[in-house]
Amino acid sequence: MSEDADHIAERKMQFLFALRSRGVTDARVLTAMERIDRGTFVRGYFADRAYEDMPLPIACGQTISQPSVVGLMTQALRLSGRDKVLEVGTGSGYQAAILSQLARRVYTVDRHRQLVREASAIFAALDLTNIVCLTADGSFGLPEQAPFDRILVTAAAEDPPGPLLAQLRIGGIMVLPVGQSDTVQQLIRVTRHENGYDYDELRPVRFVPLVEGLGRDG
């Protein structure tokens, strides 16, 4: 193994250790995050920081989330291998790629056509055939594919959007950040029951705001 390969392998080991130390303990989630290389999704100036536990800028004024937050959100979904998942906010595509290892099918939407195009190319290169990536206004979900077993939102709304709640299957789980965009938000888990919804607060987070409409490139 070359010195560069040794260095990358060591950084990946440190990456997984950091995930565990920050509460990502589900063995299936850790395996998925070991299998999907974050370096594939981080390009340009920040590429050498791909294995650090921090959010990084990507195109269209968006970010690739902090890996430990990706892990904790994925863990909170309590995925089974048979779930149909909706992700709102494709971004780099990293989160959807992790989900693809743990779910039957992943529908991921983003308001920025450029991000959808770039993420789709990565999914194809990695042969992740169970991801459907679409340009759409995620605040309205994807009604033509509803209901979903799991919904993950990677942008913050003041409250869980009504259309997304309605597209969650009975017994389904949605994980999302809620709160004002310029303050610390709260990551919550919503579980749908026959007679309503349960809400669990998980941890404070900070995400870009959930914006209605398509981006200028959409």
C-alpha atoms as a PDB file:
ATOM      1  CA  MET A   1       0.000   0.000   0.000  1.00  0.00           C
ATOM      2  CA  SER A   2       1.419   3.410  -0.953  1.00  0.00           C
ATOM      3  CA  GLU A   3       1.998   6.182   1.576  1.00  0.00           C
ATOM      4  CA  ASP A   4      -0.999   8.082   0.167  1.00  0.00           C
ATOM      5  CA  ALA A   5      -3.213   5.003   0.412  1.00  0.00           C
ATOM      6  CA  ASP A   6      -2.013   4.418   3.989  1.00  0.00           C
ATOM      7  CA  HIS A   7      -2.847   8.015   4.844  1.00  0.00           C
ATOM      8  CA  ILE A   8      -6.353   7.785   3.368  1.00  0.00           C
ATOM      9  CA  ALA A   9      -7.009   4.467   5.139  1.00  0.00           C
ATOM     10  CA  GLU A  10      -5.937   6.015   8.439  1.00  0.00           C
ATOM     11  CA  ARG A  11      -8.187   9.036   7.895  1.00  0.00           C
ATOM     12  CA  LYS A  12     -11.132   6.746   7.158  1.00  0.00           C
ATOM     13  CA  MET A  13     -10.489   4.834  10.393  1.00  0.00           C
ATOM     14  CA  GLN A  14     -10.415   8.135  12.311  1.00  0.00           C
ATOM     15  CA  PHE A  15     -13.613   9.134  10.492  1.00  0.00           C
ATOM     16  CA  LEU A  16     -15.458   6.019  11.727  1.00  0.00           C
ATOM     17  CA  PHE A  17     -14.068   6.462  15.236  1.00  0.00           C
ATOM     18  CA  ALA A  18     -15.375  10.053  15.273  1.00  0.00           C
ATOM     19  CA  LEU A  19     -18.836   8.822  14.227  1.00  0.00           C
ATOM     20  CA  ARG A  20     -18.951   6.303  17.081  1.00  0.00           C
ATOM     21  CA  SER A  21     -17.707   8.840  19.621  1.00  0.00           C
ATOM     22  CA  ARG A  22     -20.523  11.221  18.613  1.00  0.00           C
ATOM     23  CA  GLY A  23     -23.282   8.674  19.106  1.00  0.00           C
ATOM     24  CA  VAL A  24     -23.571   6.821  15.808  1.00  0.00           C
ATOM     25  CA  THR A  25     -23.704   3.297  17.227  1.00  0.00           C
ATOM     26  CA  ASP A  26     -26.020   1.382  14.863  1.00  0.00           C
ATOM     27  CA  ALA A  27     -23.807  -1.234  13.204  1.00  0.00           C
ATOM     28  CA  ARG A  28     -25.770  -1.144   9.920  1.00  0.00           C
ATOM     29  CA  VAL A  29     -25.464   2.641   9.683  1.00  0.00           C
ATOM     30  CA  LEU A  30     -21.719   2.508  10.414  1.00  0.00           C
ATOM     31  CA  THR A  31     -21.259  -0.185   7.763  1.00  0.00           C
ATOM     32  CA  ALA A  32     -23.128   1.944   5.211  1.00  0.00           C
ATOM     33  CA  MET A  33     -20.993   4.967   6.074  1.00  0.00           C
ATOM     34  CA  GLU A  34     -17.840   2.899   5.719  1.00  0.00           C
ATOM     35  CA  ARG A  35     -19.000   1.626   2.329  1.00  0.00           C
ATOM     36  CA  ILE A  36     -19.989   5.039   0.915  1.00  0.00           C
ATOM     37  CA  ASP A  37     -16.882   7.209   0.590  1.00  0.00           C
ATOM     38  CA  ARG A  38     -17.655  10.828   1.538  1.00  0.00           C
ATOM     39  CA  GLY A  39     -14.621  11.854  -0.521  1.00  0.00           C
ATOM     40  CA  THR A  40     -16.586  11.022  -3.679  1.00  0.00           C
ATOM     41  CA  PHE A  41     -19.081  13.781  -2.837  1.00  0.00           C
ATOM     42  CA  VAL A  42     -16.658  16.553  -1.822  1.00  0.00           C
ATOM     43  CA  ARG A  43     -14.897  18.281  -4.689  1.00  0.00           C
ATOM     44  CA  GLY A  44     -12.576  21.180  -5.327  1.00  0.00           C
ATOM     45  CA  TYR A  45     -11.049  23.297  -2.581  1.00  0.00           C
ATOM     46  CA  PHE A  46     -12.519  21.291   0.306  1.00  0.00           C
ATOM     47  CA  ALA A  47     -11.745  17.804  -1.041  1.00  0.00           C
ATOM     48  CA  ASP A  48      -8.918  17.255   1.452  1.00  0.00           C
ATOM     49  CA  ARG A  49     -11.357  17.830   4.332  1.00  0.00           C
ATOM     50  CA  ALA A  50     -13.824  15.120   3.261  1.00  0.00           C
ATOM     51  CA  TYR A  51     -13.042  12.903   6.265  1.00  0.00           C
ATOM     52  CA  GLU A  52     -13.397  15.623   8.883  1.00  0.00           C
ATOM     53  CA  ASP A  53     -16.576  15.705  10.953  1.00  0.00           C
ATOM     54  CA  MET A  54     -17.763  19.073   9.710  1.00  0.00           C
ATOM     55  CA  PRO A  55     -20.230  20.462   7.166  1.00  0.00           C
ATOM     56  CA  LEU A  56     -18.655  21.754   3.951  1.00  0.00           C
ATOM     57  CA  PRO A  57     -19.880  24.105   1.215  1.00  0.00           C
ATOM     58  CA  ILE A  58     -21.106  22.693  -2.092  1.00  0.00           C
ATOM     59  CA  ALA A  59     -22.630  24.328  -5.184  1.00  0.00           C
ATOM     60  CA  CYS A  60     -25.794  26.483  -5.177  1.00  0.00           C
ATOM     61  CA  GLY A  61     -25.058  27.913  -1.711  1.00  0.00           C
ATOM     62  CA  GLN A  62     -25.787  24.570  -0.035  1.00  0.00           C
ATOM     63  CA  THR A  63     -23.729  22.313   2.245  1.00  0.00           C
ATOM     64  CA  ILE A  64     -22.834  18.666   2.655  1.00  0.00           C
ATOM     65  CA  SER A  65     -23.866  17.849   6.204  1.00  0.00           C
ATOM     66  CA  GLN A  66     -21.532  16.958   9.039  1.00  0.00           C
ATOM     67  CA  PRO A  67     -21.010  13.160   8.838  1.00  0.00           C
ATOM     68  CA  SER A  68     -21.982  12.530  12.462  1.00  0.00           C
ATOM     69  CA  VAL A  69     -25.275  14.356  11.845  1.00  0.00           C
ATOM     70  CA  VAL A  70     -25.854  12.264   8.701  1.00  0.00           C
ATOM     71  CA  GLY A  71     -25.253   9.165  10.814  1.00  0.00           C
ATOM     72  CA  LEU A  72     -27.496  10.276  13.667  1.00  0.00           C
ATOM     73  CA  MET A  73     -30.340  11.236  11.303  1.00  0.00           C
ATOM     74  CA  THR A  74     -30.035   7.922   9.467  1.00  0.00           C
ATOM     75  CA  GLN A  75     -29.977   6.035  12.770  1.00  0.00           C
ATOM     76  CA  ALA A  76     -33.072   7.920  13.982  1.00  0.00           C
ATOM     77  CA  LEU A  77     -35.058   6.691  10.959  1.00  0.00           C
ATOM     78  CA  ARG A  78     -34.848   3.078  12.237  1.00  0.00           C
ATOM     79  CA  LEU A  79     -34.708   1.768   8.689  1.00  0.00           C
ATOM     80  CA  SER A  80     -35.545  -1.744   7.621  1.00  0.00           C
ATOM     81  CA  GLY A  81     -34.342  -3.136   4.335  1.00  0.00           C
ATOM     82  CA  ARG A  82     -37.870  -2.928   2.884  1.00  0.00           C
ATOM     83  CA  ASP A  83     -38.561   0.776   3.392  1.00  0.00           C
ATOM     84  CA  LYS A  84     -39.468   3.261   0.691  1.00  0.00           C
ATOM     85  CA  VAL A  85     -37.800   6.540   1.676  1.00  0.00           C
ATOM     86  CA  LEU A  86     -38.258  10.160   0.597  1.00  0.00           C
ATOM     87  CA  GLU A  87     -35.330  12.525   1.123  1.00  0.00           C
ATOM     88  CA  VAL A  88     -36.031  16.245   0.785  1.00  0.00           C
ATOM     89  CA  GLY A  89     -32.814  18.055  -0.095  1.00  0.00           C
ATOM     90  CA  THR A  90     -30.475  15.933  -2.237  1.00  0.00           C
ATOM     91  CA  GLY A  91     -27.563  18.352  -1.948  1.00  0.00           C
ATOM     92  CA  SER A  92     -24.335  16.489  -2.710  1.00  0.00           C
ATOM     93  CA  GLY A  93     -26.145  13.140  -2.774  1.00  0.00           C
ATOM     94  CA  TYR A  94     -24.130  11.768   0.167  1.00  0.00           C
ATOM     95  CA  GLN A  95     -27.100  11.232   2.486  1.00  0.00           C
ATOM     96  CA  ALA A  96     -29.146   9.534  -0.235  1.00  0.00           C
ATOM     97  CA  ALA A  97     -26.236   7.201  -0.993  1.00  0.00           C
ATOM     98  CA  ILE A  98     -26.098   6.180   2.687  1.00  0.00           C
ATOM     99  CA  LEU A  99     -29.869   5.614   2.694  1.00  0.00           C
ATOM    100  CA  SER A 100     -29.594   3.469  -0.441  1.00  0.00           C
ATOM    101  CA  GLN A 101     -27.575   0.915   1.539  1.00  0.00           C
ATOM    102  CA  LEU A 102     -30.331   0.554   4.145  1.00  0.00           C
ATOM    103  CA  ALA A 103     -33.638   0.905   2.273  1.00  0.00           C
ATOM    104  CA  ARG A 104     -35.432  -0.753  -0.636  1.00  0.00           C
ATOM    105  CA  ARG A 105     -35.851   2.458  -2.637  1.00  0.00           C
ATOM    106  CA  VAL A 106     -34.879   6.087  -2.098  1.00  0.00           C
ATOM    107  CA  TYR A 107     -36.601   9.026  -3.767  1.00  0.00           C
ATOM    108  CA  THR A 108     -34.540  12.178  -3.327  1.00  0.00           C
ATOM    109  CA  VAL A 109     -35.578  15.644  -4.497  1.00  0.00           C
ATOM    110  CA  ASP A 110     -33.842  18.999  -4.673  1.00  0.00           C
ATOM    111  CA  ARG A 111     -34.906  22.419  -5.924  1.00  0.00           C
ATOM    112  CA  HIS A 112     -31.557  22.925  -7.689  1.00  0.00           C
ATOM    113  CA  ARG A 113     -31.294  21.188 -11.041  1.00  0.00           C
ATOM    114  CA  GLN A 114     -27.474  21.402 -10.975  1.00  0.00           C
ATOM    115  CA  LEU A 115     -27.273  19.449  -7.702  1.00  0.00           C
ATOM    116  CA  VAL A 116     -29.687  16.803  -8.987  1.00  0.00           C
ATOM    117  CA  ARG A 117     -27.649  16.431 -12.181  1.00  0.00           C
ATOM    118  CA  GLU A 118     -24.328  16.113 -10.316  1.00  0.00           C
ATOM    119  CA  ALA A 119     -25.696  13.721  -7.669  1.00  0.00           C
ATOM    120  CA  SER A 120     -27.348  11.563 -10.344  1.00  0.00           C
ATOM    121  CA  ALA A 121     -23.994  11.204 -12.118  1.00  0.00           C
ATOM    122  CA  ILE A 122     -22.358  10.007  -8.883  1.00  0.00           C
ATOM    123  CA  PHE A 123     -25.194   7.536  -8.198  1.00  0.00           C
ATOM    124  CA  ALA A 124     -24.754   6.121 -11.699  1.00  0.00           C
ATOM    125  CA  ALA A 125     -20.961   5.861 -11.291  1.00  0.00           C
ATOM    126  CA  LEU A 126     -21.429   4.010  -7.978  1.00  0.00           C
ATOM    127  CA  ASP A 127     -24.143   1.774  -9.490  1.00  0.00           C
ATOM    128  CA  LEU A 128     -26.678   2.835  -6.844  1.00  0.00           C
ATOM    129  CA  THR A 129     -29.685   1.699  -8.847  1.00  0.00           C
ATOM    130  CA  ASN A 130     -32.293   2.034  -6.080  1.00  0.00           C
ATOM    131  CA  ILE A 131     -32.126   5.858  -5.974  1.00  0.00           C
ATOM    132  CA  VAL A 132     -34.533   8.042  -7.971  1.00  0.00           C
ATOM    133  CA  CYS A 133     -33.245  11.636  -8.065  1.00  0.00           C
ATOM    134  CA  LEU A 134     -35.604  14.427  -9.158  1.00  0.00           C
ATOM    135  CA  THR A 135     -35.755  18.211  -9.410  1.00  0.00           C
ATOM    136  CA  ALA A 136     -38.809  19.259  -7.398  1.00  0.00           C
ATOM    137  CA  ASP A 137     -40.052  21.559  -4.637  1.00  0.00           C
ATOM    138  CA  GLY A 138     -39.456  19.278  -1.680  1.00  0.00           C
ATOM    139  CA  SER A 139     -41.710  21.241   0.665  1.00  0.00           C
ATOM    140  CA  PHE A 140     -44.619  19.578  -1.156  1.00  0.00           C
ATOM    141  CA  GLY A 141     -43.047  16.131  -1.026  1.00  0.00           C
ATOM    142  CA  LEU A 142     -43.659  13.701  -3.857  1.00  0.00           C
ATOM    143  CA  PRO A 143     -47.393  12.922  -3.749  1.00  0.00           C
ATOM    144  CA  GLU A 144     -47.350  10.664  -6.809  1.00  0.00           C
ATOM    145  CA  GLN A 145     -45.072   8.215  -4.942  1.00  0.00           C
ATOM    146  CA  ALA A 146     -46.705   8.507  -1.490  1.00  0.00           C
ATOM    147  CA  PRO A 147     -47.099   7.070   1.037  1.00  0.00           C
ATOM    148  CA  PHE A 148     -43.530   6.684   2.297  1.00  0.00           C
ATOM    149  CA  ASP A 149     -42.287   4.462   5.101  1.00  0.00           C
ATOM    150  CA  ARG A 150     -39.630   7.024   6.023  1.00  0.00           C
ATOM    151  CA  ILE A 151     -39.053  10.700   5.220  1.00  0.00           C
ATOM    152  CA  LEU A 152     -35.814  12.582   5.856  1.00  0.00           C
ATOM    153  CA  VAL A 153     -35.618  16.357   5.476  1.00  0.00           C
ATOM    154  CA  THR A 154     -32.171  17.952   5.269  1.00  0.00           C
ATOM    155  CA  ALA A 155     -33.311  21.577   5.529  1.00  0.00           C
ATOM    156  CA  ALA A 156     -35.020  23.333   8.407  1.00  0.00           C
ATOM    157  CA  ALA A 157     -38.688  24.348   8.461  1.00  0.00           C
ATOM    158  CA  GLU A 158     -40.405  26.274  11.267  1.00  0.00           C
ATOM    159  CA  ASP A 159     -42.790  23.316  11.632  1.00  0.00           C
ATOM    160  CA  PRO A 160     -43.019  19.904   9.955  1.00  0.00           C
ATOM    161  CA  PRO A 161     -44.591  20.641   6.538  1.00  0.00           C
ATOM    162  CA  GLY A 162     -48.192  19.448   6.287  1.00  0.00           C
ATOM    163  CA  PRO A 163     -47.772  17.811   2.865  1.00  0.00           C
ATOM    164  CA  LEU A 164     -44.871  15.717   4.186  1.00  0.00           C
ATOM    165  CA  LEU A 165     -46.810  14.629   7.276  1.00  0.00           C
ATOM    166  CA  ALA A 166     -49.682  13.595   5.017  1.00  0.00           C
ATOM    167  CA  GLN A 167     -47.359  11.499   2.810  1.00  0.00           C
ATOM    168  CA  LEU A 168     -46.036   9.471   5.752  1.00  0.00           C
ATOM    169  CA  ARG A 169     -47.451   5.972   6.032  1.00  0.00           C
ATOM    170  CA  ILE A 170     -49.227   4.941   9.264  1.00  0.00           C
ATOM    171  CA  GLY A 171     -46.398   3.651  11.440  1.00  0.00           C
ATOM    172  CA  GLY A 172     -43.888   5.657   9.403  1.00  0.00           C
ATOM    173  CA  ILE A 173     -41.129   7.917  10.710  1.00  0.00           C
ATOM    174  CA  MET A 174     -39.958  11.350   9.575  1.00  0.00           C
ATOM    175  CA  VAL A 175     -36.735  12.956  10.819  1.00  0.00           C
ATOM    176  CA  LEU A 176     -36.162  16.669  10.233  1.00  0.00           C
ATOM    177  CA  PRO A 177     -34.717  19.845  11.746  1.00  0.00           C
ATOM    178  CA  VAL A 178     -37.257  22.442  12.870  1.00  0.00           C
ATOM    179  CA  GLY A 179     -36.773  26.035  13.978  1.00  0.00           C
ATOM    180  CA  GLN A 180     -35.866  29.475  12.708  1.00  0.00           C
ATOM    181  CA  SER A 181     -33.099  29.434  10.115  1.00  0.00           C
ATOM    182  CA  ASP A 182     -30.900  31.938  11.970  1.00  0.00           C
ATOM    183  CA  THR A 183     -31.000  30.199  15.354  1.00  0.00           C
ATOM    184  CA  VAL A 184     -30.128  26.746  16.623  1.00  0.00           C
ATOM    185  CA  GLN A 185     -32.740  24.297  15.460  1.00  0.00           C
ATOM    186  CA  GLN A 186     -33.933  21.047  16.970  1.00  0.00           C
ATOM    187  CA  LEU A 187     -33.709  17.703  15.202  1.00  0.00           C
ATOM    188  CA  ILE A 188     -36.983  15.877  15.749  1.00  0.00           C
ATOM    189  CA  ARG A 189     -38.447  12.473  14.953  1.00  0.00           C
ATOM    190  CA  VAL A 190     -42.120  12.309  13.997  1.00  0.00           C
ATOM    191  CA  THR A 191     -43.923   8.967  14.168  1.00  0.00           C
ATOM    192  CA  ARG A 192     -47.341   8.692  12.534  1.00  0.00           C
ATOM    193  CA  HIS A 193     -50.071   6.683  14.283  1.00  0.00           C
ATOM    194  CA  GLU A 194     -53.680   5.933  13.368  1.00  0.00           C
ATOM    195  CA  ASN A 195     -54.866   8.801  15.559  1.00  0.00           C
ATOM    196  CA  GLY A 196     -52.092  11.381  15.144  1.00  0.00           C
ATOM    197  CA  TYR A 197     -48.366  12.007  15.448  1.00  0.00           C
ATOM    198  CA  ASP A 198     -45.744  11.626  18.178  1.00  0.00           C
ATOM    199  CA  TYR A 199     -42.840  14.101  18.300  1.00  0.00           C
ATOM    200  CA  ASP A 200     -39.459  13.352  19.896  1.00  0.00           C
ATOM    201  CA  GLU A 201     -36.702  15.951  20.222  1.00  0.00           C
ATOM    202  CA  LEU A 202     -33.303  14.402  19.449  1.00  0.00           C
ATOM    203  CA  ARG A 203     -30.608  17.100  19.541  1.00  0.00           C
ATOM    204  CA  PRO A 204     -29.818  20.703  18.539  1.00  0.00           C
ATOM    205  CA  VAL A 205     -28.607  21.156  14.954  1.00  0.00           C
ATOM    206  CA  ARG A 206     -28.176  23.841  12.314  1.00  0.00           C
ATOM    207  CA  PHE A 207     -29.303  23.402   8.709  1.00  0.00           C
ATOM    208  CA  VAL A 208     -29.987  25.645   5.728  1.00  0.00           C
ATOM    209  CA  PRO A 209     -33.656  26.711   5.564  1.00  0.00           C
ATOM    210  CA  LEU A 210     -36.281  24.762   3.641  1.00  0.00           C
ATOM    211  CA  VAL A 211     -37.237  27.037   0.738  1.00  0.00           C
ATOM    212  CA  GLU A 212     -40.322  26.710  -1.429  1.00  0.00           C
ATOM    213  CA  GLY A 213     -40.088  26.814  -5.213  1.00  0.00           C
ATOM    214  CA  LEU A 214     -37.341  25.723  -7.606  1.00  0.00           C
ATOM    215  CA  GLY A 215     -33.874  27.263  -7.634  1.00  0.00           C
ATOM    216  CA  ARG A 216     -32.927  29.689 -10.386  1.00  0.00           C
ATOM    217  CA  ASP A 217     -31.242  26.832 -12.197  1.00  0.00           C
ATOM    218  CA  GLY A 218     -34.420  24.730 -11.864  1.00  0.00           C
END
